[in-house]
Amino acid sequence: MSPQRVTDWLVRTVAGPGRVRLAAIFLVAPLLGVVTAAANTLAALPFLLFPPLAAVSYSLFTRETRSVAWDVPVALTVGACSGWLAAVLVGAFRTLPSHPYTVSPLVVVFTVVFAGVSLWALNIEVPPAFAVGLLLPFAGVSPGVYVANVVAASTFVIAVHAAYRGVS
């Protein structure tokens, strides 16, 4: 590829619709770096939360709409609460697995059902919310702390998104 073709491609990408994706990549990466640094210093903030948060963040920053998407922290919180509710419900009737990498199939079923019904009722479609709920057994912190971290991390992302949309 000639240098001129590379330059032409870069100009088209940066000036056109690729600008949004480039901005998302270069905003989401440092944003998640900050959240990960916080996770490394705070034992109560599990890193497992961040793969779905990364997916949601990228999706959020590449949305065409200029509005702030408060559905993201709501959806992720619904997912986390669904996982918590499912574990409590199943744990009341059965012994939950104690091995760190084993999850009760019933907890998975109820998490997906609770999250699916709740998100449907709220008319919110943020698929990583299901992952947030399903990661709860692996978080290594209490369910209440996990839900609080989901709220805090997703609200932080929304605040940065709101500032970005106000500037862009």
Protein backbone atom coordinates (compact mmCIF):
# COMPACT_ATOMS: atom_id res chain seq x y z
CA MET A 1 0.00 0.00 0.00
CA SER A 2 1.39 3.38 -0.93
CA PRO A 3 1.79 6.14 1.67
CA GLN A 4 -0.82 8.20 -0.21
CA ARG A 5 -3.39 5.39 0.02
CA VAL A 6 -2.72 5.01 3.75
CA THR A 7 -3.10 8.76 4.24
CA ASP A 8 -6.33 8.81 2.22
CA TRP A 9 -7.72 5.93 4.27
CA LEU A 10 -6.82 7.68 7.55
CA VAL A 11 -8.45 10.93 6.44
CA ARG A 12 -11.63 9.12 5.37
CA THR A 13 -11.73 7.15 8.62
CA VAL A 14 -11.12 10.08 10.94
CA ALA A 15 -13.40 12.49 9.05
CA GLY A 16 -16.22 9.99 8.49
CA PRO A 17 -18.11 7.51 10.60
CA GLY A 18 -14.88 5.93 11.79
CA ARG A 19 -14.33 8.97 14.00
CA VAL A 20 -16.90 7.68 16.47
CA ARG A 21 -15.26 4.26 16.71
CA LEU A 22 -11.79 5.75 17.07
CA ALA A 23 -13.02 8.04 19.81
CA ALA A 24 -14.71 5.11 21.53
CA ILE A 25 -11.58 2.99 21.42
CA PHE A 26 -9.31 5.72 22.68
CA LEU A 27 -11.76 6.86 25.37
CA VAL A 28 -12.94 3.45 26.54
CA ALA A 29 -9.44 1.99 26.90
CA PRO A 30 -8.13 4.64 29.33
CA LEU A 31 -11.49 4.78 31.09
CA LEU A 32 -11.36 1.05 31.81
CA GLY A 33 -7.69 1.42 32.74
CA VAL A 34 -8.71 3.86 35.48
CA VAL A 35 -11.45 1.53 36.72
CA THR A 36 -9.03 -1.43 36.64
CA ALA A 37 -6.43 0.54 38.60
CA ALA A 38 -9.12 1.18 41.20
CA ALA A 39 -9.95 -2.55 41.21
CA ASN A 40 -6.29 -3.37 41.82
CA THR A 41 -6.15 -1.10 44.86
CA LEU A 42 -9.56 -1.93 46.33
CA ALA A 43 -10.03 -5.55 47.35
CA ALA A 44 -13.81 -5.07 47.28
CA LEU A 45 -13.89 -4.19 43.55
CA PRO A 46 -13.76 -7.43 41.52
CA PHE A 47 -12.05 -7.36 38.13
CA LEU A 48 -14.60 -9.86 36.75
CA LEU A 49 -17.03 -6.99 36.35
CA PHE A 50 -14.95 -5.34 33.65
CA PRO A 51 -15.39 -7.57 30.57
CA PRO A 52 -19.13 -6.80 30.40
CA LEU A 53 -18.40 -3.18 31.38
CA ALA A 54 -15.94 -2.94 28.48
CA ALA A 55 -18.54 -4.28 26.04
CA VAL A 56 -21.19 -1.88 27.30
CA SER A 57 -18.79 1.07 27.29
CA TYR A 58 -17.75 0.52 23.69
CA SER A 59 -21.36 0.08 22.61
CA LEU A 60 -22.37 3.19 24.51
CA PHE A 61 -19.67 5.42 23.04
CA THR A 62 -20.40 4.27 19.49
CA ARG A 63 -24.15 4.93 19.70
CA GLU A 64 -25.35 7.42 17.14
CA THR A 65 -27.71 9.11 19.58
CA ARG A 66 -26.39 12.10 21.48
CA SER A 67 -28.42 11.34 24.60
CA VAL A 68 -26.94 10.01 27.81
CA ALA A 69 -27.87 6.37 28.17
CA TRP A 70 -28.98 5.90 31.76
CA ASP A 71 -30.28 2.50 30.74
CA VAL A 72 -26.74 1.13 31.05
CA PRO A 73 -26.30 1.41 34.84
CA VAL A 74 -29.93 0.41 35.32
CA ALA A 75 -29.51 -2.70 33.15
CA LEU A 76 -26.22 -3.75 34.75
CA THR A 77 -27.68 -3.23 38.23
CA VAL A 78 -30.74 -5.29 37.27
CA GLY A 79 -28.39 -8.04 36.07
CA ALA A 80 -26.37 -8.00 39.30
CA CYS A 81 -29.51 -7.96 41.46
CA SER A 82 -30.97 -10.81 39.41
CA GLY A 83 -27.89 -12.92 40.14
CA TRP A 84 -28.12 -12.06 43.82
CA LEU A 85 -31.85 -12.87 43.99
CA ALA A 86 -31.34 -16.14 42.13
CA ALA A 87 -28.56 -17.22 44.52
CA VAL A 88 -30.68 -16.35 47.56
CA LEU A 89 -33.73 -18.15 46.17
CA VAL A 90 -31.88 -21.31 45.16
CA GLY A 91 -29.75 -21.22 48.34
CA ALA A 92 -32.91 -21.25 50.45
CA PHE A 93 -33.88 -24.65 49.06
CA ARG A 94 -30.59 -26.24 48.03
CA THR A 95 -26.95 -26.12 49.04
CA LEU A 96 -25.03 -23.98 46.59
CA PRO A 97 -21.76 -25.37 45.20
CA SER A 98 -18.75 -24.48 47.33
CA HIS A 99 -16.09 -25.02 44.66
CA PRO A 100 -14.91 -21.60 43.43
CA TYR A 101 -15.48 -22.41 39.75
CA THR A 102 -18.81 -24.20 40.03
CA VAL A 103 -22.20 -22.53 39.76
CA SER A 104 -25.59 -24.07 40.35
CA PRO A 105 -27.45 -24.54 37.05
CA LEU A 106 -30.60 -23.37 38.82
CA VAL A 107 -28.88 -20.09 39.77
CA VAL A 108 -28.01 -19.59 36.10
CA VAL A 109 -31.57 -20.33 34.98
CA PHE A 110 -33.14 -18.01 37.54
CA THR A 111 -30.60 -15.25 36.91
CA VAL A 112 -31.40 -15.23 33.20
CA VAL A 113 -35.16 -15.41 33.80
CA PHE A 114 -35.14 -12.63 36.43
CA ALA A 115 -32.88 -10.38 34.34
CA GLY A 116 -34.78 -11.12 31.14
CA VAL A 117 -38.20 -10.41 32.60
CA SER A 118 -37.00 -7.29 34.44
CA LEU A 119 -35.20 -5.83 31.42
CA TRP A 120 -38.18 -6.61 29.22
CA ALA A 121 -40.53 -4.87 31.67
CA LEU A 122 -38.21 -1.84 31.71
CA ASN A 123 -37.89 -1.95 27.90
CA ILE A 124 -34.09 -2.02 28.17
CA GLU A 125 -31.88 -4.07 25.89
CA VAL A 126 -28.31 -4.26 27.23
CA PRO A 127 -27.18 -7.90 26.79
CA PRO A 128 -24.05 -7.64 29.00
CA ALA A 129 -26.45 -7.22 31.94
CA PHE A 130 -26.91 -10.99 31.82
CA ALA A 131 -23.15 -11.53 32.07
CA VAL A 132 -22.95 -9.19 35.07
CA GLY A 133 -25.58 -11.30 36.85
CA LEU A 134 -23.91 -14.58 35.93
CA LEU A 135 -20.47 -13.40 37.14
CA LEU A 136 -21.68 -12.77 40.68
CA PRO A 137 -20.65 -16.21 42.06
CA PHE A 138 -17.09 -15.62 40.83
CA ALA A 139 -16.70 -12.06 42.10
CA GLY A 140 -15.07 -13.01 45.38
CA VAL A 141 -17.02 -10.36 47.32
CA SER A 142 -20.40 -10.31 48.98
CA PRO A 143 -23.41 -9.82 46.69
CA GLY A 144 -24.17 -6.42 48.22
CA VAL A 145 -20.64 -5.19 47.58
CA TYR A 146 -20.79 -6.57 44.04
CA VAL A 147 -24.05 -4.75 43.28
CA ALA A 148 -22.65 -1.52 44.76
CA ASN A 149 -19.57 -1.88 42.55
CA VAL A 150 -21.73 -2.45 39.48
CA VAL A 151 -23.67 0.73 40.25
CA ALA A 152 -20.50 2.75 40.90
CA ALA A 153 -18.53 1.53 37.86
CA SER A 154 -21.41 1.84 35.40
CA THR A 155 -22.35 5.29 36.74
CA PHE A 156 -18.73 6.39 36.33
CA VAL A 157 -18.81 5.25 32.70
CA ILE A 158 -22.07 7.13 32.14
CA ALA A 159 -20.60 10.29 33.68
CA VAL A 160 -17.61 10.13 31.33
CA HIS A 161 -19.97 9.42 28.43
CA ALA A 162 -22.11 12.45 29.33
CA ALA A 163 -19.01 14.64 29.45
CA TYR A 164 -17.85 13.23 26.10
CA ARG A 165 -21.23 13.85 24.46
CA GLY A 166 -21.22 17.37 25.84
CA VAL A 167 -17.85 17.98 24.18
CA SER A 168 -18.25 16.06 20.91
